[in-house]
Amino acid sequence: MRILVVEDEVRLARNIAAFLRKPGGYAVDVSMDGEDGLHMVRTNSYDLILLDLMLPKVDGWAILKALRAEGVKTAVLILTARDTTADIVRGLNDGGDDYLTKPFELAELAARCKALIRRSYDRTEPVLRVGPL
């Protein structure tokens, strides 16, 4: 399973990616700004997008609206410091599938990722098995 993390805080992005890549985990790409993140989504296939809202170049709100307008169905988990009820409602109404405010525990993030991917593919694990391979 492949995840894109669009997060401009370098340390946080690296920690998230490292945690999700743990043995048996996910393939994770990281983008540090909205323009690059939007390009990556348009040119690659992802099972889940972790999207910050306050990004340089193109903000997360614009990315989310553009993806949904283009018919991209990939699940989006919004990761942000914006914690007002109005922001949460807007994020979910604009096409976000889940919303997690900073700071958060990495274990909770991983559980939410697993749940979103499971719902998207009706799979219980992020592992593909083919016969005895």
N, C-alpha and C. Protein backbone atom coordinates (compact mmCIF):
# COMPACT_ATOMS: atom_id res chain seq x y z
N MET A 1 0.83 -1.17 0.00
CA MET A 1 0.00 0.00 0.00
C MET A 1 0.88 1.25 0.00
N ARG A 2 0.44 2.24 -0.70
CA ARG A 2 1.25 3.45 -0.90
C ARG A 2 0.55 4.68 -0.33
N ILE A 3 1.29 5.44 0.47
CA ILE A 3 0.75 6.63 1.12
C ILE A 3 1.58 7.84 0.72
N LEU A 4 0.90 8.96 0.49
CA LEU A 4 1.57 10.24 0.26
C LEU A 4 1.34 11.12 1.48
N VAL A 5 2.44 11.65 2.04
CA VAL A 5 2.38 12.59 3.15
C VAL A 5 2.71 13.98 2.59
N VAL A 6 1.76 14.90 2.65
CA VAL A 6 1.98 16.27 2.20
C VAL A 6 2.02 17.13 3.47
N GLU A 7 3.24 17.43 3.91
CA GLU A 7 3.47 18.09 5.19
C GLU A 7 4.73 18.93 5.09
N ASP A 8 4.64 20.23 5.46
CA ASP A 8 5.79 21.11 5.32
C ASP A 8 6.72 21.13 6.53
N GLU A 9 6.31 20.57 7.65
CA GLU A 9 7.19 20.46 8.80
C GLU A 9 8.08 19.24 8.60
N VAL A 10 9.35 19.50 8.28
CA VAL A 10 10.28 18.44 7.88
C VAL A 10 10.37 17.32 8.92
N ARG A 11 10.58 17.70 10.15
CA ARG A 11 10.75 16.69 11.20
C ARG A 11 9.50 15.83 11.35
N LEU A 12 8.34 16.45 11.35
CA LEU A 12 7.09 15.70 11.48
C LEU A 12 6.89 14.78 10.28
N ALA A 13 7.13 15.28 9.08
CA ALA A 13 6.96 14.46 7.88
C ALA A 13 7.88 13.24 7.92
N ARG A 14 9.12 13.44 8.34
CA ARG A 14 10.07 12.31 8.43
C ARG A 14 9.64 11.30 9.48
N ASN A 15 9.16 11.79 10.62
CA ASN A 15 8.72 10.88 11.68
C ASN A 15 7.50 10.06 11.25
N ILE A 16 6.56 10.71 10.60
CA ILE A 16 5.38 10.00 10.11
C ILE A 16 5.80 8.93 9.09
N ALA A 17 6.62 9.33 8.14
CA ALA A 17 7.05 8.39 7.10
C ALA A 17 7.80 7.21 7.70
N ALA A 18 8.72 7.46 8.62
CA ALA A 18 9.49 6.38 9.24
C ALA A 18 8.58 5.43 10.01
N PHE A 19 7.62 5.99 10.74
CA PHE A 19 6.71 5.16 11.52
C PHE A 19 5.84 4.29 10.62
N LEU A 20 5.34 4.85 9.55
CA LEU A 20 4.47 4.10 8.65
C LEU A 20 5.23 3.09 7.79
N ARG A 21 6.53 3.30 7.63
CA ARG A 21 7.35 2.38 6.83
C ARG A 21 7.86 1.18 7.63
N LYS A 22 7.62 1.14 8.91
CA LYS A 22 8.12 0.04 9.74
C LYS A 22 7.95 -1.28 9.01
N PRO A 23 8.76 -2.29 9.36
CA PRO A 23 8.67 -3.59 8.66
C PRO A 23 7.22 -4.06 8.52
N GLY A 24 6.89 -4.43 7.30
CA GLY A 24 5.53 -4.87 7.01
C GLY A 24 4.56 -3.73 6.85
N GLY A 25 5.08 -2.50 6.81
CA GLY A 25 4.22 -1.32 6.75
C GLY A 25 3.94 -0.87 5.33
N TYR A 26 3.96 0.43 5.15
CA TYR A 26 3.55 1.04 3.90
C TYR A 26 4.74 1.62 3.13
N ALA A 27 4.55 1.80 1.84
CA ALA A 27 5.48 2.57 1.02
C ALA A 27 5.01 4.02 1.16
N VAL A 28 5.92 4.91 1.54
CA VAL A 28 5.53 6.29 1.84
C VAL A 28 6.35 7.27 1.03
N ASP A 29 5.66 8.20 0.34
CA ASP A 29 6.30 9.32 -0.33
C ASP A 29 5.98 10.57 0.48
N VAL A 30 6.92 11.52 0.45
CA VAL A 30 6.74 12.76 1.21
C VAL A 30 6.88 13.96 0.27
N SER A 31 5.98 14.92 0.44
CA SER A 31 6.05 16.18 -0.28
C SER A 31 6.02 17.30 0.75
N MET A 32 6.86 18.32 0.54
CA MET A 32 6.99 19.39 1.52
C MET A 32 6.18 20.65 1.18
N ASP A 33 5.53 20.68 0.03
CA ASP A 33 4.69 21.84 -0.29
C ASP A 33 3.50 21.40 -1.13
N GLY A 34 2.50 22.26 -1.17
CA GLY A 34 1.25 21.92 -1.86
C GLY A 34 1.38 21.73 -3.35
N GLU A 35 2.20 22.54 -3.98
CA GLU A 35 2.36 22.42 -5.43
C GLU A 35 2.94 21.06 -5.81
N ASP A 36 3.99 20.65 -5.12
CA ASP A 36 4.61 19.35 -5.37
C ASP A 36 3.66 18.22 -4.99
N GLY A 37 2.96 18.38 -3.87
CA GLY A 37 2.02 17.35 -3.45
C GLY A 37 0.92 17.12 -4.47
N LEU A 38 0.38 18.19 -5.00
CA LEU A 38 -0.67 18.08 -6.01
C LEU A 38 -0.13 17.40 -7.27
N HIS A 39 1.09 17.76 -7.67
CA HIS A 39 1.72 17.11 -8.82
C HIS A 39 1.91 15.61 -8.57
N MET A 40 2.35 15.25 -7.37
CA MET A 40 2.58 13.84 -7.06
C MET A 40 1.29 13.03 -7.11
N VAL A 41 0.19 13.60 -6.61
CA VAL A 41 -1.09 12.90 -6.65
C VAL A 41 -1.56 12.72 -8.09
N ARG A 42 -1.32 13.72 -8.91
CA ARG A 42 -1.76 13.65 -10.31
C ARG A 42 -0.93 12.69 -11.15
N THR A 43 0.30 12.40 -10.72
CA THR A 43 1.18 11.57 -11.54
C THR A 43 1.47 10.19 -10.95
N ASN A 44 0.98 9.92 -9.75
CA ASN A 44 1.21 8.63 -9.09
C ASN A 44 -0.10 8.09 -8.53
N SER A 45 -0.09 6.82 -8.23
CA SER A 45 -1.27 6.19 -7.64
C SER A 45 -1.01 5.97 -6.15
N TYR A 46 -1.92 6.47 -5.32
CA TYR A 46 -1.79 6.32 -3.87
C TYR A 46 -3.04 5.68 -3.30
N ASP A 47 -2.86 4.97 -2.20
CA ASP A 47 -3.98 4.36 -1.50
C ASP A 47 -4.54 5.30 -0.43
N LEU A 48 -3.71 6.26 -0.01
CA LEU A 48 -4.11 7.20 1.02
C LEU A 48 -3.24 8.45 0.92
N ILE A 49 -3.84 9.60 1.19
CA ILE A 49 -3.11 10.87 1.23
C ILE A 49 -3.26 11.47 2.61
N LEU A 50 -2.14 11.80 3.26
CA LEU A 50 -2.14 12.52 4.52
C LEU A 50 -1.84 13.96 4.17
N LEU A 51 -2.78 14.86 4.44
CA LEU A 51 -2.71 16.22 3.91
C LEU A 51 -2.77 17.27 5.01
N ASP A 52 -1.72 18.07 5.10
CA ASP A 52 -1.72 19.25 5.98
C ASP A 52 -2.51 20.34 5.26
N LEU A 53 -3.13 21.23 6.00
CA LEU A 53 -3.90 22.30 5.38
C LEU A 53 -3.08 23.56 5.15
N MET A 54 -2.14 23.84 6.04
CA MET A 54 -1.35 25.07 5.94
C MET A 54 0.00 24.74 5.30
N LEU A 55 0.02 24.83 3.98
CA LEU A 55 1.20 24.46 3.18
C LEU A 55 1.68 25.65 2.37
N PRO A 56 2.98 25.69 2.06
CA PRO A 56 3.47 26.72 1.14
C PRO A 56 3.02 26.43 -0.30
N LYS A 57 2.97 27.45 -1.10
CA LYS A 57 2.64 27.43 -2.53
C LYS A 57 1.16 27.19 -2.81
N VAL A 58 0.64 26.02 -2.43
CA VAL A 58 -0.79 25.71 -2.59
C VAL A 58 -1.26 25.12 -1.27
N ASP A 59 -2.30 25.70 -0.67
CA ASP A 59 -2.73 25.17 0.63
C ASP A 59 -3.55 23.89 0.48
N GLY A 60 -3.70 23.20 1.59
CA GLY A 60 -4.39 21.92 1.59
C GLY A 60 -5.85 22.01 1.18
N TRP A 61 -6.51 23.14 1.51
CA TRP A 61 -7.90 23.31 1.09
C TRP A 61 -8.00 23.26 -0.44
N ALA A 62 -7.11 23.98 -1.11
CA ALA A 62 -7.13 24.02 -2.58
C ALA A 62 -6.80 22.66 -3.17
N ILE A 63 -5.86 21.96 -2.57
CA ILE A 63 -5.51 20.62 -3.06
C ILE A 63 -6.72 19.70 -2.96
N LEU A 64 -7.36 19.70 -1.80
CA LEU A 64 -8.51 18.82 -1.59
C LEU A 64 -9.63 19.12 -2.58
N LYS A 65 -9.95 20.39 -2.76
CA LYS A 65 -11.00 20.77 -3.71
C LYS A 65 -10.63 20.37 -5.14
N ALA A 66 -9.36 20.58 -5.53
CA ALA A 66 -8.92 20.22 -6.89
C ALA A 66 -9.02 18.72 -7.11
N LEU A 67 -8.59 17.93 -6.15
CA LEU A 67 -8.63 16.47 -6.30
C LEU A 67 -10.07 15.98 -6.45
N ARG A 68 -10.95 16.48 -5.61
CA ARG A 68 -12.33 16.01 -5.68
C ARG A 68 -13.00 16.51 -6.96
N ALA A 69 -12.67 17.71 -7.42
CA ALA A 69 -13.22 18.23 -8.68
C ALA A 69 -12.74 17.40 -9.86
N GLU A 70 -11.52 16.85 -9.76
CA GLU A 70 -10.97 16.01 -10.83
C GLU A 70 -11.43 14.56 -10.73
N GLY A 71 -12.23 14.25 -9.71
CA GLY A 71 -12.75 12.90 -9.57
C GLY A 71 -11.82 11.93 -8.87
N VAL A 72 -10.78 12.43 -8.24
CA VAL A 72 -9.86 11.56 -7.50
C VAL A 72 -10.59 11.03 -6.27
N LYS A 73 -10.66 9.71 -6.13
CA LYS A 73 -11.41 9.07 -5.05
C LYS A 73 -10.50 8.63 -3.89
N THR A 74 -9.21 8.81 -4.00
CA THR A 74 -8.28 8.38 -2.97
C THR A 74 -8.66 8.98 -1.62
N ALA A 75 -8.63 8.15 -0.58
CA ALA A 75 -8.96 8.62 0.77
C ALA A 75 -7.95 9.68 1.21
N VAL A 76 -8.46 10.72 1.87
CA VAL A 76 -7.62 11.82 2.36
C VAL A 76 -7.84 11.96 3.87
N LEU A 77 -6.74 11.84 4.60
CA LEU A 77 -6.76 12.09 6.04
C LEU A 77 -6.10 13.44 6.25
N ILE A 78 -6.86 14.40 6.75
CA ILE A 78 -6.34 15.74 6.97
C ILE A 78 -5.60 15.77 8.31
N LEU A 79 -4.34 16.22 8.27
CA LEU A 79 -3.52 16.38 9.48
C LEU A 79 -3.21 17.86 9.63
N THR A 80 -3.69 18.48 10.68
CA THR A 80 -3.53 19.93 10.78
C THR A 80 -3.58 20.42 12.22
N ALA A 81 -3.07 21.60 12.43
CA ALA A 81 -3.18 22.26 13.73
C ALA A 81 -4.51 23.02 13.83
N ARG A 82 -5.22 23.15 12.73
CA ARG A 82 -6.50 23.88 12.73
C ARG A 82 -7.54 22.99 13.40
N ASP A 83 -7.95 23.39 14.61
CA ASP A 83 -8.78 22.50 15.42
C ASP A 83 -10.16 23.05 15.77
N THR A 84 -10.60 24.09 15.07
CA THR A 84 -11.94 24.59 15.36
C THR A 84 -12.99 23.67 14.71
N THR A 85 -14.16 23.70 15.27
CA THR A 85 -15.25 22.90 14.71
C THR A 85 -15.53 23.31 13.27
N ALA A 86 -15.47 24.61 12.99
CA ALA A 86 -15.71 25.10 11.62
C ALA A 86 -14.69 24.51 10.65
N ASP A 87 -13.41 24.44 11.05
CA ASP A 87 -12.38 23.87 10.17
C ASP A 87 -12.61 22.38 9.95
N ILE A 88 -12.96 21.67 11.01
CA ILE A 88 -13.20 20.23 10.90
C ILE A 88 -14.38 19.96 9.97
N VAL A 89 -15.46 20.70 10.16
CA VAL A 89 -16.64 20.53 9.30
C VAL A 89 -16.29 20.86 7.85
N ARG A 90 -15.57 21.95 7.65
CA ARG A 90 -15.17 22.33 6.29
C ARG A 90 -14.31 21.25 5.65
N GLY A 91 -13.33 20.75 6.39
CA GLY A 91 -12.44 19.72 5.85
C GLY A 91 -13.19 18.46 5.43
N LEU A 92 -14.12 18.03 6.25
CA LEU A 92 -14.89 16.83 5.92
C LEU A 92 -15.89 17.10 4.79
N ASN A 93 -16.51 18.27 4.81
CA ASN A 93 -17.46 18.61 3.75
C ASN A 93 -16.78 18.85 2.41
N ASP A 94 -15.54 19.31 2.43
CA ASP A 94 -14.81 19.55 1.18
C ASP A 94 -14.22 18.28 0.58
N GLY A 95 -14.40 17.15 1.26
CA GLY A 95 -13.95 15.89 0.67
C GLY A 95 -12.96 15.10 1.50
N GLY A 96 -12.59 15.59 2.67
CA GLY A 96 -11.71 14.82 3.54
C GLY A 96 -12.45 13.60 4.08
N ASP A 97 -11.73 12.50 4.26
CA ASP A 97 -12.35 11.27 4.77
C ASP A 97 -12.17 11.14 6.27
N ASP A 98 -11.19 11.82 6.82
CA ASP A 98 -10.95 11.83 8.26
C ASP A 98 -10.17 13.09 8.58
N TYR A 99 -10.14 13.47 9.85
CA TYR A 99 -9.53 14.73 10.26
C TYR A 99 -8.85 14.49 11.60
N LEU A 100 -7.56 14.77 11.67
CA LEU A 100 -6.79 14.55 12.89
C LEU A 100 -6.00 15.82 13.20
N THR A 101 -6.17 16.34 14.40
CA THR A 101 -5.49 17.58 14.76
C THR A 101 -4.15 17.30 15.44
N LYS A 102 -3.21 18.22 15.20
CA LYS A 102 -1.90 18.14 15.82
C LYS A 102 -1.98 18.77 17.20
N PRO A 103 -1.25 18.27 18.16
CA PRO A 103 -0.40 17.08 18.12
C PRO A 103 -1.24 15.81 18.21
N PHE A 104 -0.67 14.71 17.73
CA PHE A 104 -1.36 13.43 17.74
C PHE A 104 -0.33 12.34 18.03
N GLU A 105 -0.82 11.19 18.40
CA GLU A 105 0.04 10.02 18.63
C GLU A 105 0.19 9.26 17.32
N LEU A 106 1.41 8.83 17.03
CA LEU A 106 1.65 8.11 15.78
C LEU A 106 0.87 6.80 15.72
N ALA A 107 0.67 6.16 16.85
CA ALA A 107 -0.11 4.91 16.86
C ALA A 107 -1.56 5.17 16.43
N GLU A 108 -2.13 6.30 16.86
CA GLU A 108 -3.49 6.64 16.43
C GLU A 108 -3.52 6.94 14.94
N LEU A 109 -2.52 7.67 14.46
CA LEU A 109 -2.43 7.95 13.03
C LEU A 109 -2.37 6.66 12.23
N ALA A 110 -1.53 5.72 12.65
CA ALA A 110 -1.39 4.44 11.95
C ALA A 110 -2.72 3.67 11.94
N ALA A 111 -3.43 3.70 13.06
CA ALA A 111 -4.72 3.00 13.13
C ALA A 111 -5.74 3.64 12.18
N ARG A 112 -5.73 4.97 12.11
CA ARG A 112 -6.64 5.65 11.19
C ARG A 112 -6.29 5.35 9.74
N CYS A 113 -5.00 5.30 9.43
CA CYS A 113 -4.56 4.95 8.06
C CYS A 113 -5.05 3.56 7.70
N LYS A 114 -4.83 2.63 8.60
CA LYS A 114 -5.24 1.25 8.35
C LYS A 114 -6.75 1.16 8.13
N ALA A 115 -7.52 1.88 8.94
CA ALA A 115 -8.98 1.86 8.80
C ALA A 115 -9.43 2.44 7.47
N LEU A 116 -8.84 3.56 7.06
CA LEU A 116 -9.22 4.18 5.79
C LEU A 116 -8.87 3.29 4.60
N ILE A 117 -7.70 2.67 4.65
CA ILE A 117 -7.31 1.77 3.56
C ILE A 117 -8.19 0.53 3.56
N ARG A 118 -8.49 0.01 4.73
CA ARG A 118 -9.36 -1.17 4.84
C ARG A 118 -10.73 -0.87 4.23
N ARG A 119 -11.28 0.29 4.52
CA ARG A 119 -12.59 0.67 3.97
C ARG A 119 -12.53 0.82 2.45
N SER A 120 -11.42 1.38 1.97
CA SER A 120 -11.28 1.60 0.53
C SER A 120 -11.16 0.30 -0.25
N TYR A 121 -10.51 -0.68 0.35
CA TYR A 121 -10.22 -1.92 -0.37
C TYR A 121 -10.83 -3.15 0.25
N ASP A 122 -11.56 -2.95 1.35
CA ASP A 122 -12.16 -4.08 2.06
C ASP A 122 -11.11 -5.11 2.42
N ARG A 123 -9.96 -4.64 2.89
CA ARG A 123 -8.87 -5.51 3.33
C ARG A 123 -8.57 -5.21 4.79
N THR A 124 -8.18 -6.21 5.52
CA THR A 124 -7.87 -6.01 6.93
C THR A 124 -6.39 -5.70 7.16
N GLU A 125 -5.53 -5.99 6.18
CA GLU A 125 -4.10 -5.75 6.34
C GLU A 125 -3.54 -5.01 5.13
N PRO A 126 -2.45 -4.25 5.30
CA PRO A 126 -1.83 -3.59 4.15
C PRO A 126 -0.87 -4.50 3.40
N VAL A 127 -1.18 -5.80 3.34
CA VAL A 127 -0.30 -6.78 2.70
C VAL A 127 -1.07 -7.50 1.62
N LEU A 128 -0.47 -7.60 0.45
CA LEU A 128 -1.06 -8.36 -0.63
C LEU A 128 -0.41 -9.74 -0.66
N ARG A 129 -1.22 -10.80 -0.75
CA ARG A 129 -0.69 -12.15 -0.80
C ARG A 129 -1.18 -12.82 -2.09
N VAL A 130 -0.26 -13.50 -2.76
CA VAL A 130 -0.59 -14.22 -3.98
C VAL A 130 -0.11 -15.65 -3.79
N GLY A 131 -1.04 -16.56 -3.59
CA GLY A 131 -0.67 -17.97 -3.42
C GLY A 131 0.41 -18.15 -2.38
N PRO A 132 1.38 -19.01 -2.67
CA PRO A 132 2.44 -19.30 -1.69
C PRO A 132 3.56 -18.25 -1.67
N LEU A 133 3.44 -17.18 -2.44
CA LEU A 133 4.49 -16.16 -2.46
C LEU A 133 4.48 -15.30 -1.22
